[in-house]
Amino acid sequence: MEHDMLGDVVLLAIVTLLSAVQNACFQNKVENECKTQTSRSFQRTGSPAFERVYTANQNCIDAYPTFLAMLWCAGIFCSQAPAAFAGLMYLLVRQKYFVGYLGEKTQSTPGYIFGKRIMLFLFLMSMAGILNYFLVCWFGQDFNIYIKTLSGTISPLLLIP
């Protein structure tokens, strides 16, 4: 691949690798909790602590493909930097959700709601970028600079709880 092309996706790749490391850490917590069980084989049921860790990990895994698709679509079609920033924020929120779920389930609710808001932002970025692509193809109008400016301006607002 050309160096310029790699520069267009390097931040997205970094966020993707960080999310893979985070998934590995979550799975390691499930494995460690499973080892504390008296049974030698893996079972989905057990102590309440194991069930919370397992369910939190499963919930994070369920949302993971959607997150990756939206991250990459937003970064490629719209703007890499705001998409990568939103991806990092999503990883922090997912960590908050996981840790909150290990306590009382109500502690995970803020992380869940905040994560949904970040996913909506990535979805809207993706849709704006794809819409701009078709506007360029059909009408010759390129609004990419406006979309990048708008997404770059709005992305810090993700920090507001």
C-alpha atoms as a PDB file:
ATOM      1  CA  MET A   1       0.000   0.000   0.000  1.00  0.00           C
ATOM      2  CA  GLU A   2       1.099   3.531  -0.611  1.00  0.00           C
ATOM      3  CA  HIS A   3       2.251   5.630   2.289  1.00  0.00           C
ATOM      4  CA  ASP A   4      -0.493   8.223   1.689  1.00  0.00           C
ATOM      5  CA  MET A   5      -3.200   5.564   1.805  1.00  0.00           C
ATOM      6  CA  LEU A   6      -1.849   4.216   5.078  1.00  0.00           C
ATOM      7  CA  GLY A   7      -1.897   7.722   6.530  1.00  0.00           C
ATOM      8  CA  ASP A   8      -5.617   7.891   5.779  1.00  0.00           C
ATOM      9  CA  VAL A   9      -6.392   4.884   7.995  1.00  0.00           C
ATOM     10  CA  VAL A  10      -3.605   4.715  10.585  1.00  0.00           C
ATOM     11  CA  LEU A  11      -5.688   6.219  13.406  1.00  0.00           C
ATOM     12  CA  LEU A  12      -8.525   3.820  12.674  1.00  0.00           C
ATOM     13  CA  ALA A  13      -6.083   0.916  12.761  1.00  0.00           C
ATOM     14  CA  ILE A  14      -4.718   2.049  16.132  1.00  0.00           C
ATOM     15  CA  VAL A  15      -8.224   2.248  17.630  1.00  0.00           C
ATOM     16  CA  THR A  16      -9.043  -1.183  16.166  1.00  0.00           C
ATOM     17  CA  LEU A  17      -5.931  -2.730  17.727  1.00  0.00           C
ATOM     18  CA  LEU A  18      -6.666  -1.084  21.077  1.00  0.00           C
ATOM     19  CA  SER A  19     -10.187  -2.489  20.961  1.00  0.00           C
ATOM     20  CA  ALA A  20      -8.777  -5.961  20.267  1.00  0.00           C
ATOM     21  CA  VAL A  21      -6.508  -5.635  23.313  1.00  0.00           C
ATOM     22  CA  GLN A  22      -9.483  -4.516  25.389  1.00  0.00           C
ATOM     23  CA  ASN A  23     -11.484  -7.544  24.212  1.00  0.00           C
ATOM     24  CA  ALA A  24      -8.588  -9.803  25.193  1.00  0.00           C
ATOM     25  CA  CYS A  25      -8.522  -8.243  28.668  1.00  0.00           C
ATOM     26  CA  PHE A  26     -12.261  -8.776  29.065  1.00  0.00           C
ATOM     27  CA  GLN A  27     -11.925 -12.395  27.958  1.00  0.00           C
ATOM     28  CA  ASN A  28      -9.046 -12.857  30.375  1.00  0.00           C
ATOM     29  CA  LYS A  29     -11.294 -11.667  33.217  1.00  0.00           C
ATOM     30  CA  VAL A  30     -13.891 -14.254  32.186  1.00  0.00           C
ATOM     31  CA  GLU A  31     -11.218 -16.958  32.100  1.00  0.00           C
ATOM     32  CA  ASN A  32      -9.871 -15.990  35.518  1.00  0.00           C
ATOM     33  CA  GLU A  33     -13.345 -15.986  37.024  1.00  0.00           C
ATOM     34  CA  CYS A  34     -14.031 -19.353  35.393  1.00  0.00           C
ATOM     35  CA  LYS A  35     -10.899 -20.798  37.032  1.00  0.00           C
ATOM     36  CA  THR A  36     -12.231 -19.856  40.448  1.00  0.00           C
ATOM     37  CA  GLN A  37     -15.228 -22.117  39.833  1.00  0.00           C
ATOM     38  CA  THR A  38     -15.029 -25.628  41.281  1.00  0.00           C
ATOM     39  CA  SER A  39     -15.918 -27.244  37.953  1.00  0.00           C
ATOM     40  CA  ARG A  40     -13.135 -28.197  35.539  1.00  0.00           C
ATOM     41  CA  SER A  41     -15.166 -27.558  32.385  1.00  0.00           C
ATOM     42  CA  PHE A  42     -16.398 -24.211  31.151  1.00  0.00           C
ATOM     43  CA  GLN A  43     -20.024 -23.554  32.010  1.00  0.00           C
ATOM     44  CA  ARG A  44     -22.094 -20.472  31.373  1.00  0.00           C
ATOM     45  CA  THR A  45     -23.632 -20.590  34.799  1.00  0.00           C
ATOM     46  CA  GLY A  46     -21.975 -20.454  38.155  1.00  0.00           C
ATOM     47  CA  SER A  47     -21.476 -17.943  40.896  1.00  0.00           C
ATOM     48  CA  PRO A  48     -23.137 -14.539  40.578  1.00  0.00           C
ATOM     49  CA  ALA A  49     -19.698 -12.952  40.070  1.00  0.00           C
ATOM     50  CA  PHE A  50     -18.952 -15.267  37.146  1.00  0.00           C
ATOM     51  CA  GLU A  51     -22.354 -14.642  35.580  1.00  0.00           C
ATOM     52  CA  ARG A  52     -21.830 -10.863  35.782  1.00  0.00           C
ATOM     53  CA  VAL A  53     -18.365 -11.076  34.183  1.00  0.00           C
ATOM     54  CA  TYR A  54     -19.588 -13.462  31.498  1.00  0.00           C
ATOM     55  CA  THR A  55     -22.672 -11.357  30.688  1.00  0.00           C
ATOM     56  CA  ALA A  56     -20.694  -8.099  30.589  1.00  0.00           C
ATOM     57  CA  ASN A  57     -18.174  -9.681  28.219  1.00  0.00           C
ATOM     58  CA  GLN A  58     -20.928 -11.143  26.041  1.00  0.00           C
ATOM     59  CA  ASN A  59     -22.697  -7.782  25.827  1.00  0.00           C
ATOM     60  CA  CYS A  60     -19.466  -6.097  24.737  1.00  0.00           C
ATOM     61  CA  ILE A  61     -18.824  -8.813  22.143  1.00  0.00           C
ATOM     62  CA  ASP A  62     -22.343  -8.426  20.742  1.00  0.00           C
ATOM     63  CA  ALA A  63     -21.810  -4.717  20.018  1.00  0.00           C
ATOM     64  CA  TYR A  64     -18.236  -5.113  18.734  1.00  0.00           C
ATOM     65  CA  PRO A  65     -18.906  -5.840  15.010  1.00  0.00           C
ATOM     66  CA  THR A  66     -21.307  -2.905  14.789  1.00  0.00           C
ATOM     67  CA  PHE A  67     -18.731  -0.629  16.411  1.00  0.00           C
ATOM     68  CA  LEU A  68     -15.983  -1.689  13.992  1.00  0.00           C
ATOM     69  CA  ALA A  69     -18.206  -1.248  10.933  1.00  0.00           C
ATOM     70  CA  MET A  70     -19.293   2.233  11.989  1.00  0.00           C
ATOM     71  CA  LEU A  71     -15.758   3.260  13.007  1.00  0.00           C
ATOM     72  CA  TRP A  72     -14.261   2.316   9.659  1.00  0.00           C
ATOM     73  CA  CYS A  73     -17.141   3.684   7.557  1.00  0.00           C
ATOM     74  CA  ALA A  74     -17.060   6.996   9.416  1.00  0.00           C
ATOM     75  CA  GLY A  75     -13.277   7.217   9.134  1.00  0.00           C
ATOM     76  CA  ILE A  76     -13.069   6.327   5.455  1.00  0.00           C
ATOM     77  CA  PHE A  77     -16.118   8.156   4.105  1.00  0.00           C
ATOM     78  CA  CYS A  78     -16.129  11.176   6.393  1.00  0.00           C
ATOM     79  CA  SER A  79     -13.095  12.057   8.511  1.00  0.00           C
ATOM     80  CA  GLN A  80     -10.478   9.890  10.194  1.00  0.00           C
ATOM     81  CA  ALA A  81      -9.585  12.044  13.225  1.00  0.00           C
ATOM     82  CA  PRO A  82     -13.101  12.600  14.647  1.00  0.00           C
ATOM     83  CA  ALA A  83     -13.973   8.955  13.981  1.00  0.00           C
ATOM     84  CA  ALA A  84     -10.840   7.791  15.801  1.00  0.00           C
ATOM     85  CA  PHE A  85     -11.584  10.166  18.684  1.00  0.00           C
ATOM     86  CA  ALA A  86     -15.126   8.809  18.927  1.00  0.00           C
ATOM     87  CA  GLY A  87     -13.684   5.283  18.782  1.00  0.00           C
ATOM     88  CA  LEU A  88     -11.360   5.996  21.693  1.00  0.00           C
ATOM     89  CA  MET A  89     -14.250   7.486  23.627  1.00  0.00           C
ATOM     90  CA  TYR A  90     -16.281   4.360  22.899  1.00  0.00           C
ATOM     91  CA  LEU A  91     -13.475   2.168  24.270  1.00  0.00           C
ATOM     92  CA  LEU A  92     -13.391   4.220  27.480  1.00  0.00           C
ATOM     93  CA  VAL A  93     -17.160   4.026  27.787  1.00  0.00           C
ATOM     94  CA  ARG A  94     -17.109   0.282  27.148  1.00  0.00           C
ATOM     95  CA  GLN A  95     -14.536  -0.092  29.935  1.00  0.00           C
ATOM     96  CA  LYS A  96     -16.827   1.915  32.226  1.00  0.00           C
ATOM     97  CA  TYR A  97     -19.750  -0.290  31.230  1.00  0.00           C
ATOM     98  CA  PHE A  98     -17.795  -3.501  31.878  1.00  0.00           C
ATOM     99  CA  VAL A  99     -16.513  -2.390  35.279  1.00  0.00           C
ATOM    100  CA  GLY A 100     -19.927  -1.006  36.188  1.00  0.00           C
ATOM    101  CA  TYR A 101     -21.597  -4.281  35.267  1.00  0.00           C
ATOM    102  CA  LEU A 102     -19.261  -6.145  37.623  1.00  0.00           C
ATOM    103  CA  GLY A 103     -20.642  -4.065  40.502  1.00  0.00           C
ATOM    104  CA  GLU A 104     -24.343  -3.455  40.481  1.00  0.00           C
ATOM    105  CA  LYS A 105     -26.067  -3.597  37.127  1.00  0.00           C
ATOM    106  CA  THR A 106     -27.370  -0.050  37.579  1.00  0.00           C
ATOM    107  CA  GLN A 107     -23.762   1.203  37.546  1.00  0.00           C
ATOM    108  CA  SER A 108     -23.412   0.067  33.937  1.00  0.00           C
ATOM    109  CA  THR A 109     -26.336   2.172  32.671  1.00  0.00           C
ATOM    110  CA  PRO A 110     -24.387   5.454  32.142  1.00  0.00           C
ATOM    111  CA  GLY A 111     -21.748   3.622  30.108  1.00  0.00           C
ATOM    112  CA  TYR A 112     -24.413   1.926  28.030  1.00  0.00           C
ATOM    113  CA  ILE A 113     -26.275   5.155  27.258  1.00  0.00           C
ATOM    114  CA  PHE A 114     -23.064   7.054  26.508  1.00  0.00           C
ATOM    115  CA  GLY A 115     -21.948   4.225  24.206  1.00  0.00           C
ATOM    116  CA  LYS A 116     -25.213   4.431  22.277  1.00  0.00           C
ATOM    117  CA  ARG A 117     -24.661   8.162  21.767  1.00  0.00           C
ATOM    118  CA  ILE A 118     -21.161   7.562  20.389  1.00  0.00           C
ATOM    119  CA  MET A 119     -22.457   4.856  18.052  1.00  0.00           C
ATOM    120  CA  LEU A 120     -25.114   7.301  16.805  1.00  0.00           C
ATOM    121  CA  PHE A 121     -22.409   9.900  16.132  1.00  0.00           C
ATOM    122  CA  LEU A 122     -20.355   7.359  14.142  1.00  0.00           C
ATOM    123  CA  PHE A 123     -23.482   6.314  12.228  1.00  0.00           C
ATOM    124  CA  LEU A 124     -24.319   9.916  11.329  1.00  0.00           C
ATOM    125  CA  MET A 125     -20.726  10.534  10.237  1.00  0.00           C
ATOM    126  CA  SER A 126     -20.901   7.452   8.018  1.00  0.00           C
ATOM    127  CA  MET A 127     -24.189   8.483   6.475  1.00  0.00           C
ATOM    128  CA  ALA A 128     -22.962  12.036   5.825  1.00  0.00           C
ATOM    129  CA  GLY A 129     -19.826  10.735   4.137  1.00  0.00           C
ATOM    130  CA  ILE A 130     -21.734   8.264   1.976  1.00  0.00           C
ATOM    131  CA  LEU A 131     -24.304  10.917   1.043  1.00  0.00           C
ATOM    132  CA  ASN A 132     -21.462  13.256   0.047  1.00  0.00           C
ATOM    133  CA  TYR A 133     -19.973  10.508  -2.135  1.00  0.00           C
ATOM    134  CA  PHE A 134     -23.235  10.183  -4.062  1.00  0.00           C
ATOM    135  CA  LEU A 135     -23.625  13.958  -4.330  1.00  0.00           C
ATOM    136  CA  VAL A 136     -20.183  14.118  -5.949  1.00  0.00           C
ATOM    137  CA  CYS A 137     -21.021  11.267  -8.331  1.00  0.00           C
ATOM    138  CA  TRP A 138     -24.430  12.543  -9.371  1.00  0.00           C
ATOM    139  CA  PHE A 139     -24.214  16.326  -9.152  1.00  0.00           C
ATOM    140  CA  GLY A 140     -20.507  17.141  -8.925  1.00  0.00           C
ATOM    141  CA  GLN A 141     -21.015  18.923  -5.609  1.00  0.00           C
ATOM    142  CA  ASP A 142     -18.437  18.124  -2.926  1.00  0.00           C
ATOM    143  CA  PHE A 143     -19.412  19.019   0.630  1.00  0.00           C
ATOM    144  CA  ASN A 144     -16.564  17.048   2.201  1.00  0.00           C
ATOM    145  CA  ILE A 145     -14.810  20.071   3.714  1.00  0.00           C
ATOM    146  CA  TYR A 146     -18.063  21.160   5.395  1.00  0.00           C
ATOM    147  CA  ILE A 147     -18.774  17.664   6.696  1.00  0.00           C
ATOM    148  CA  LYS A 148     -15.230  17.324   8.065  1.00  0.00           C
ATOM    149  CA  THR A 149     -15.473  20.716   9.750  1.00  0.00           C
ATOM    150  CA  LEU A 150     -18.850  19.891  11.258  1.00  0.00           C
ATOM    151  CA  SER A 151     -17.810  16.433  12.504  1.00  0.00           C
ATOM    152  CA  GLY A 152     -14.562  17.836  13.902  1.00  0.00           C
ATOM    153  CA  THR A 153     -16.506  20.540  15.715  1.00  0.00           C
ATOM    154  CA  ILE A 154     -19.152  18.193  17.101  1.00  0.00           C
ATOM    155  CA  SER A 155     -16.808  15.385  18.218  1.00  0.00           C
ATOM    156  CA  PRO A 156     -15.603  17.200  21.396  1.00  0.00           C
ATOM    157  CA  LEU A 157     -19.247  17.426  22.428  1.00  0.00           C
ATOM    158  CA  LEU A 158     -19.087  13.660  22.994  1.00  0.00           C
ATOM    159  CA  LEU A 159     -17.233  14.453  26.212  1.00  0.00           C
ATOM    160  CA  ILE A 160     -20.362  15.994  27.733  1.00  0.00           C
ATOM    161  CA  PRO A 161     -22.128  13.349  29.843  1.00  0.00           C
END
